Amino acid sequence: MRQAQVFSEAVGITGIVLTKLDGTAKGGIVVTVQRELGVPVKLVGLGEGADDLAPFDPEGFVDALLS
């Protein structure tokens, strides 16, 4: 969280790209970062390559957390 705060202070950000959404333990921080910084999650990485970025689906994310 602190890293995201410092980055936000250094440059203007308009959204979050979570590049490694491979588990709730790693991806779960995105909810806190989004709330603290007040910016939307725009893209998530579902694999290892640049072509694996996909638009963020909040409902699907919550379903995966609660499953």
PDB file of N, CA and C in Angstrom:
ATOM      1  N   MET A   1       0.824  -1.181   0.000  1.00  0.00           N
ATOM      2  CA  MET A   1       0.000   0.000   0.000  1.00  0.00           C
ATOM      3  C   MET A   1       0.869   1.246   0.000  1.00  0.00           C
ATOM      4  N   ARG A   2       1.900   1.214   0.810  1.00  0.00           N
ATOM      5  CA  ARG A   2       2.769   2.404   0.909  1.00  0.00           C
ATOM      6  C   ARG A   2       3.422   2.722  -0.437  1.00  0.00           C
ATOM      7  N   GLN A   3       3.841   1.696  -1.150  1.00  0.00           N
ATOM      8  CA  GLN A   3       4.455   1.903  -2.459  1.00  0.00           C
ATOM      9  C   GLN A   3       3.480   2.604  -3.409  1.00  0.00           C
ATOM     10  N   ALA A   4       2.225   2.217  -3.387  1.00  0.00           N
ATOM     11  CA  ALA A   4       1.211   2.843  -4.236  1.00  0.00           C
ATOM     12  C   ALA A   4       0.988   4.295  -3.832  1.00  0.00           C
ATOM     13  N   GLN A   5       0.991   4.584  -2.542  1.00  0.00           N
ATOM     14  CA  GLN A   5       0.815   5.962  -2.069  1.00  0.00           C
ATOM     15  C   GLN A   5       1.963   6.853  -2.538  1.00  0.00           C
ATOM     16  N   VAL A   6       3.184   6.381  -2.377  1.00  0.00           N
ATOM     17  CA  VAL A   6       4.358   7.168  -2.778  1.00  0.00           C
ATOM     18  C   VAL A   6       4.340   7.405  -4.282  1.00  0.00           C
ATOM     19  N   PHE A   7       4.014   6.383  -5.052  1.00  0.00           N
ATOM     20  CA  PHE A   7       3.950   6.525  -6.500  1.00  0.00           C
ATOM     21  C   PHE A   7       2.881   7.541  -6.885  1.00  0.00           C
ATOM     22  N   SER A   8       1.745   7.486  -6.233  1.00  0.00           N
ATOM     23  CA  SER A   8       0.656   8.414  -6.521  1.00  0.00           C
ATOM     24  C   SER A   8       1.047   9.853  -6.216  1.00  0.00           C
ATOM     25  N   GLU A   9       1.823  10.051  -5.161  1.00  0.00           N
ATOM     26  CA  GLU A   9       2.287  11.399  -4.804  1.00  0.00           C
ATOM     27  C   GLU A   9       3.293  11.932  -5.831  1.00  0.00           C
ATOM     28  N   ALA A  10       4.074  11.034  -6.428  1.00  0.00           N
ATOM     29  CA  ALA A  10       5.126  11.444  -7.356  1.00  0.00           C
ATOM     30  C   ALA A  10       4.589  11.790  -8.746  1.00  0.00           C
ATOM     31  N   VAL A  11       3.564  11.068  -9.186  1.00  0.00           N
ATOM     32  CA  VAL A  11       3.003  11.288 -10.523  1.00  0.00           C
ATOM     33  C   VAL A  11       1.482  11.250 -10.434  1.00  0.00           C
ATOM     34  N   GLY A  12       0.832  11.925 -11.323  1.00  0.00           N
ATOM     35  CA  GLY A  12      -0.631  11.866 -11.352  1.00  0.00           C
ATOM     36  C   GLY A  12      -1.079  10.551 -11.965  1.00  0.00           C
ATOM     37  N   ILE A  13      -1.911   9.816 -11.262  1.00  0.00           N
ATOM     38  CA  ILE A  13      -2.398   8.553 -11.815  1.00  0.00           C
ATOM     39  C   ILE A  13      -3.900   8.639 -12.031  1.00  0.00           C
ATOM     40  N   THR A  14      -4.367   7.895 -13.030  1.00  0.00           N
ATOM     41  CA  THR A  14      -5.792   7.892 -13.355  1.00  0.00           C
ATOM     42  C   THR A  14      -6.430   6.528 -13.164  1.00  0.00           C
ATOM     43  N   GLY A  15      -5.616   5.528 -12.865  1.00  0.00           N
ATOM     44  CA  GLY A  15      -6.155   4.195 -12.676  1.00  0.00           C
ATOM     45  C   GLY A  15      -5.070   3.213 -12.307  1.00  0.00           C
ATOM     46  N   ILE A  16      -5.506   1.999 -12.011  1.00  0.00           N
ATOM     47  CA  ILE A  16      -4.609   0.941 -11.570  1.00  0.00           C
ATOM     48  C   ILE A  16      -4.587  -0.163 -12.609  1.00  0.00           C
ATOM     49  N   VAL A  17      -3.386  -0.675 -12.893  1.00  0.00           N
ATOM     50  CA  VAL A  17      -3.214  -1.871 -13.699  1.00  0.00           C
ATOM     51  C   VAL A  17      -2.563  -2.895 -12.784  1.00  0.00           C
ATOM     52  N   LEU A  18      -3.302  -3.920 -12.458  1.00  0.00           N
ATOM     53  CA  LEU A  18      -2.791  -4.991 -11.603  1.00  0.00           C
ATOM     54  C   LEU A  18      -2.228  -6.066 -12.521  1.00  0.00           C
ATOM     55  N   THR A  19      -0.895  -6.147 -12.575  1.00  0.00           N
ATOM     56  CA  THR A  19      -0.264  -6.989 -13.597  1.00  0.00           C
ATOM     57  C   THR A  19      -0.192  -8.456 -13.242  1.00  0.00           C
ATOM     58  N   LYS A  20      -0.449  -8.819 -12.012  1.00  0.00           N
ATOM     59  CA  LYS A  20      -0.335 -10.237 -11.656  1.00  0.00           C
ATOM     60  C   LYS A  20      -1.509 -10.629 -10.762  1.00  0.00           C
ATOM     61  N   LEU A  21      -2.606 -10.919 -11.380  1.00  0.00           N
ATOM     62  CA  LEU A  21      -3.806 -11.338 -10.654  1.00  0.00           C
ATOM     63  C   LEU A  21      -3.893 -12.860 -10.718  1.00  0.00           C
ATOM     64  N   ASP A  22      -3.001 -13.501  -9.979  1.00  0.00           N
ATOM     65  CA  ASP A  22      -2.976 -14.962 -10.038  1.00  0.00           C
ATOM     66  C   ASP A  22      -3.432 -15.610  -8.749  1.00  0.00           C
ATOM     67  N   GLY A  23      -3.877 -14.820  -7.809  1.00  0.00           N
ATOM     68  CA  GLY A  23      -4.365 -15.384  -6.555  1.00  0.00           C
ATOM     69  C   GLY A  23      -4.928 -14.286  -5.684  1.00  0.00           C
ATOM     70  N   THR A  24      -5.852 -14.627  -4.823  1.00  0.00           N
ATOM     71  CA  THR A  24      -6.484 -13.605  -3.997  1.00  0.00           C
ATOM     72  C   THR A  24      -5.520 -13.002  -2.996  1.00  0.00           C
ATOM     73  N   ALA A  25      -4.504 -13.745  -2.568  1.00  0.00           N
ATOM     74  CA  ALA A  25      -3.546 -13.198  -1.605  1.00  0.00           C
ATOM     75  C   ALA A  25      -2.775 -12.036  -2.205  1.00  0.00           C
ATOM     76  N   LYS A  26      -2.426 -12.135  -3.472  1.00  0.00           N
ATOM     77  CA  LYS A  26      -1.698 -11.053  -4.136  1.00  0.00           C
ATOM     78  C   LYS A  26      -2.665 -10.015  -4.693  1.00  0.00           C
ATOM     79  N   GLY A  27      -3.746 -10.459  -5.297  1.00  0.00           N
ATOM     80  CA  GLY A  27      -4.686  -9.551  -5.947  1.00  0.00           C
ATOM     81  C   GLY A  27      -5.595  -8.822  -4.988  1.00  0.00           C
ATOM     82  N   GLY A  28      -5.762  -9.348  -3.775  1.00  0.00           N
ATOM     83  CA  GLY A  28      -6.677  -8.740  -2.815  1.00  0.00           C
ATOM     84  C   GLY A  28      -6.313  -7.329  -2.402  1.00  0.00           C
ATOM     85  N   ILE A  29      -5.044  -6.954  -2.485  1.00  0.00           N
ATOM     86  CA  ILE A  29      -4.608  -5.604  -2.102  1.00  0.00           C
ATOM     87  C   ILE A  29      -5.209  -4.550  -3.022  1.00  0.00           C
ATOM     88  N   VAL A  30      -5.618  -4.954  -4.213  1.00  0.00           N
ATOM     89  CA  VAL A  30      -6.126  -3.984  -5.178  1.00  0.00           C
ATOM     90  C   VAL A  30      -7.356  -3.242  -4.639  1.00  0.00           C
ATOM     91  N   VAL A  31      -8.168  -3.891  -3.838  1.00  0.00           N
ATOM     92  CA  VAL A  31      -9.353  -3.240  -3.266  1.00  0.00           C
ATOM     93  C   VAL A  31      -8.930  -2.103  -2.341  1.00  0.00           C
ATOM     94  N   THR A  32      -7.955  -2.347  -1.497  1.00  0.00           N
ATOM     95  CA  THR A  32      -7.460  -1.318  -0.583  1.00  0.00           C
ATOM     96  C   THR A  32      -6.801  -0.180  -1.343  1.00  0.00           C
ATOM     97  N   VAL A  33      -5.982  -0.504  -2.320  1.00  0.00           N
ATOM     98  CA  VAL A  33      -5.306   0.530  -3.105  1.00  0.00           C
ATOM     99  C   VAL A  33      -6.337   1.397  -3.820  1.00  0.00           C
ATOM    100  N   GLN A  34      -7.319   0.766  -4.406  1.00  0.00           N
ATOM    101  CA  GLN A  34      -8.361   1.519  -5.124  1.00  0.00           C
ATOM    102  C   GLN A  34      -9.096   2.458  -4.191  1.00  0.00           C
ATOM    103  N   ARG A  35      -9.459   1.988  -3.036  1.00  0.00           N
ATOM    104  CA  ARG A  35     -10.189   2.834  -2.075  1.00  0.00           C
ATOM    105  C   ARG A  35      -9.333   3.974  -1.549  1.00  0.00           C
ATOM    106  N   GLU A  36      -8.093   3.669  -1.204  1.00  0.00           N
ATOM    107  CA  GLU A  36      -7.199   4.690  -0.644  1.00  0.00           C
ATOM    108  C   GLU A  36      -6.859   5.777  -1.657  1.00  0.00           C
ATOM    109  N   LEU A  37      -6.607   5.376  -2.889  1.00  0.00           N
ATOM    110  CA  LEU A  37      -6.194   6.341  -3.908  1.00  0.00           C
ATOM    111  C   LEU A  37      -7.371   6.954  -4.658  1.00  0.00           C
ATOM    112  N   GLY A  38      -8.527   6.309  -4.580  1.00  0.00           N
ATOM    113  CA  GLY A  38      -9.718   6.841  -5.233  1.00  0.00           C
ATOM    114  C   GLY A  38      -9.666   6.801  -6.751  1.00  0.00           C
ATOM    115  N   VAL A  39      -8.972   5.805  -7.296  1.00  0.00           N
ATOM    116  CA  VAL A  39      -8.908   5.643  -8.749  1.00  0.00           C
ATOM    117  C   VAL A  39      -9.401   4.245  -9.108  1.00  0.00           C
ATOM    118  N   PRO A  40      -9.931   4.077 -10.314  1.00  0.00           N
ATOM    119  CA  PRO A  40     -10.469   2.767 -10.689  1.00  0.00           C
ATOM    120  C   PRO A  40      -9.379   1.774 -11.069  1.00  0.00           C
ATOM    121  N   VAL A  41      -9.703   0.514 -10.937  1.00  0.00           N
ATOM    122  CA  VAL A  41      -8.868  -0.558 -11.477  1.00  0.00           C
ATOM    123  C   VAL A  41      -9.266  -0.685 -12.941  1.00  0.00           C
ATOM    124  N   LYS A  42      -8.319  -0.476 -13.831  1.00  0.00           N
ATOM    125  CA  LYS A  42      -8.643  -0.484 -15.254  1.00  0.00           C
ATOM    126  C   LYS A  42      -8.335  -1.808 -15.932  1.00  0.00           C
ATOM    127  N   LEU A  43      -7.170  -2.375 -15.626  1.00  0.00           N
ATOM    128  CA  LEU A  43      -6.749  -3.606 -16.297  1.00  0.00           C
ATOM    129  C   LEU A  43      -6.158  -4.576 -15.284  1.00  0.00           C
ATOM    130  N   VAL A  44      -6.256  -5.850 -15.600  1.00  0.00           N
ATOM    131  CA  VAL A  44      -5.613  -6.887 -14.795  1.00  0.00           C
ATOM    132  C   VAL A  44      -4.847  -7.817 -15.724  1.00  0.00           C
ATOM    133  N   GLY A  45      -3.735  -8.323 -15.219  1.00  0.00           N
ATOM    134  CA  GLY A  45      -2.937  -9.277 -15.968  1.00  0.00           C
ATOM    135  C   GLY A  45      -3.358 -10.688 -15.612  1.00  0.00           C
ATOM    136  N   LEU A  46      -3.712 -11.456 -16.611  1.00  0.00           N
ATOM    137  CA  LEU A  46      -4.183 -12.821 -16.391  1.00  0.00           C
ATOM    138  C   LEU A  46      -3.159 -13.859 -16.821  1.00  0.00           C
ATOM    139  N   GLY A  47      -1.981 -13.390 -17.205  1.00  0.00           N
ATOM    140  CA  GLY A  47      -0.926 -14.290 -17.648  1.00  0.00           C
ATOM    141  C   GLY A  47       0.415 -13.596 -17.557  1.00  0.00           C
ATOM    142  N   GLU A  48       1.361 -14.059 -18.341  1.00  0.00           N
ATOM    143  CA  GLU A  48       2.731 -13.558 -18.263  1.00  0.00           C
ATOM    144  C   GLU A  48       3.066 -12.481 -19.286  1.00  0.00           C
ATOM    145  N   GLY A  49       2.292 -12.360 -20.353  1.00  0.00           N
ATOM    146  CA  GLY A  49       2.642 -11.438 -21.434  1.00  0.00           C
ATOM    147  C   GLY A  49       1.772 -10.200 -21.481  1.00  0.00           C
ATOM    148  N   ALA A  50       2.226  -9.218 -22.276  1.00  0.00           N
ATOM    149  CA  ALA A  50       1.468  -7.973 -22.438  1.00  0.00           C
ATOM    150  C   ALA A  50       0.098  -8.224 -23.050  1.00  0.00           C
ATOM    151  N   ASP A  51      -0.014  -9.259 -23.868  1.00  0.00           N
ATOM    152  CA  ASP A  51      -1.305  -9.589 -24.483  1.00  0.00           C
ATOM    153  C   ASP A  51      -2.292 -10.187 -23.493  1.00  0.00           C
ATOM    154  N   ASP A  52      -1.829 -10.471 -22.283  1.00  0.00           N
ATOM    155  CA  ASP A  52      -2.680 -11.082 -21.264  1.00  0.00           C
ATOM    156  C   ASP A  52      -3.380 -10.059 -20.381  1.00  0.00           C
ATOM    157  N   LEU A  53      -3.269  -8.770 -20.708  1.00  0.00           N
ATOM    158  CA  LEU A  53      -3.993  -7.745 -19.958  1.00  0.00           C
ATOM    159  C   LEU A  53      -5.449  -7.736 -20.418  1.00  0.00           C
ATOM    160  N   ALA A  54      -6.361  -7.626 -19.462  1.00  0.00           N
ATOM    161  CA  ALA A  54      -7.788  -7.624 -19.777  1.00  0.00           C
ATOM    162  C   ALA A  54      -8.477  -6.549 -18.941  1.00  0.00           C
ATOM    163  N   PRO A  55      -9.588  -6.017 -19.437  1.00  0.00           N
ATOM    164  CA  PRO A  55     -10.351  -5.064 -18.623  1.00  0.00           C
ATOM    165  C   PRO A  55     -10.759  -5.719 -17.305  1.00  0.00           C
ATOM    166  N   PHE A  56     -10.734  -4.936 -16.249  1.00  0.00           N
ATOM    167  CA  PHE A  56     -11.088  -5.437 -14.926  1.00  0.00           C
ATOM    168  C   PHE A  56     -12.591  -5.627 -14.819  1.00  0.00           C
ATOM    169  N   ASP A  57     -13.002  -6.787 -14.333  1.00  0.00           N
ATOM    170  CA  ASP A  57     -14.407  -7.122 -14.118  1.00  0.00           C
ATOM    171  C   ASP A  57     -14.650  -7.210 -12.612  1.00  0.00           C
ATOM    172  N   PRO A  58     -15.161  -6.133 -11.992  1.00  0.00           N
ATOM    173  CA  PRO A  58     -15.330  -6.120 -10.533  1.00  0.00           C
ATOM    174  C   PRO A  58     -16.213  -7.248 -10.016  1.00  0.00           C
ATOM    175  N   GLU A  59     -17.292  -7.537 -10.706  1.00  0.00           N
ATOM    176  CA  GLU A  59     -18.208  -8.604 -10.241  1.00  0.00           C
ATOM    177  C   GLU A  59     -17.513  -9.955 -10.284  1.00  0.00           C
ATOM    178  N   GLY A  60     -16.769 -10.218 -11.354  1.00  0.00           N
ATOM    179  CA  GLY A  60     -16.037 -11.470 -11.453  1.00  0.00           C
ATOM    180  C   GLY A  60     -14.958 -11.590 -10.379  1.00  0.00           C
ATOM    181  N   PHE A  61     -14.318 -10.472 -10.058  1.00  0.00           N
ATOM    182  CA  PHE A  61     -13.284 -10.461  -9.029  1.00  0.00           C
ATOM    183  C   PHE A  61     -13.884 -10.813  -7.662  1.00  0.00           C
ATOM    184  N   VAL A  62     -15.015 -10.181  -7.340  1.00  0.00           N
ATOM    185  CA  VAL A  62     -15.663 -10.454  -6.050  1.00  0.00           C
ATOM    186  C   VAL A  62     -16.141 -11.895  -5.995  1.00  0.00           C
ATOM    187  N   ASP A  63     -16.707 -12.391  -7.074  1.00  0.00           N
ATOM    188  CA  ASP A  63     -17.140 -13.792  -7.110  1.00  0.00           C
ATOM    189  C   ASP A  63     -15.969 -14.730  -6.849  1.00  0.00           C
ATOM    190  N   ALA A  64     -14.811 -14.427  -7.452  1.00  0.00           N
ATOM    191  CA  ALA A  64     -13.629 -15.279  -7.263  1.00  0.00           C
ATOM    192  C   ALA A  64     -13.138 -15.211  -5.826  1.00  0.00           C
ATOM    193  N   LEU A  65     -13.216 -14.041  -5.196  1.00  0.00           N
ATOM    194  CA  LEU A  65     -12.789 -13.906  -3.797  1.00  0.00           C
ATOM    195  C   LEU A  65     -13.680 -14.714  -2.870  1.00  0.00           C
ATOM    196  N   LEU A  66     -14.977 -14.749  -3.166  1.00  0.00           N
ATOM    197  CA  LEU A  66     -15.934 -15.392  -2.273  1.00  0.00           C
ATOM    198  C   LEU A  66     -16.155 -16.873  -2.589  1.00  0.00           C
ATOM    199  N   SER A  67     -15.610 -17.330  -3.690  1.00  0.00           N
ATOM    200  CA  SER A  67     -15.798 -18.743  -4.063  1.00  0.00           C
ATOM    201  C   SER A  67     -14.953 -19.667  -3.227  1.00  0.00           C
TER     202      SER A  67
END
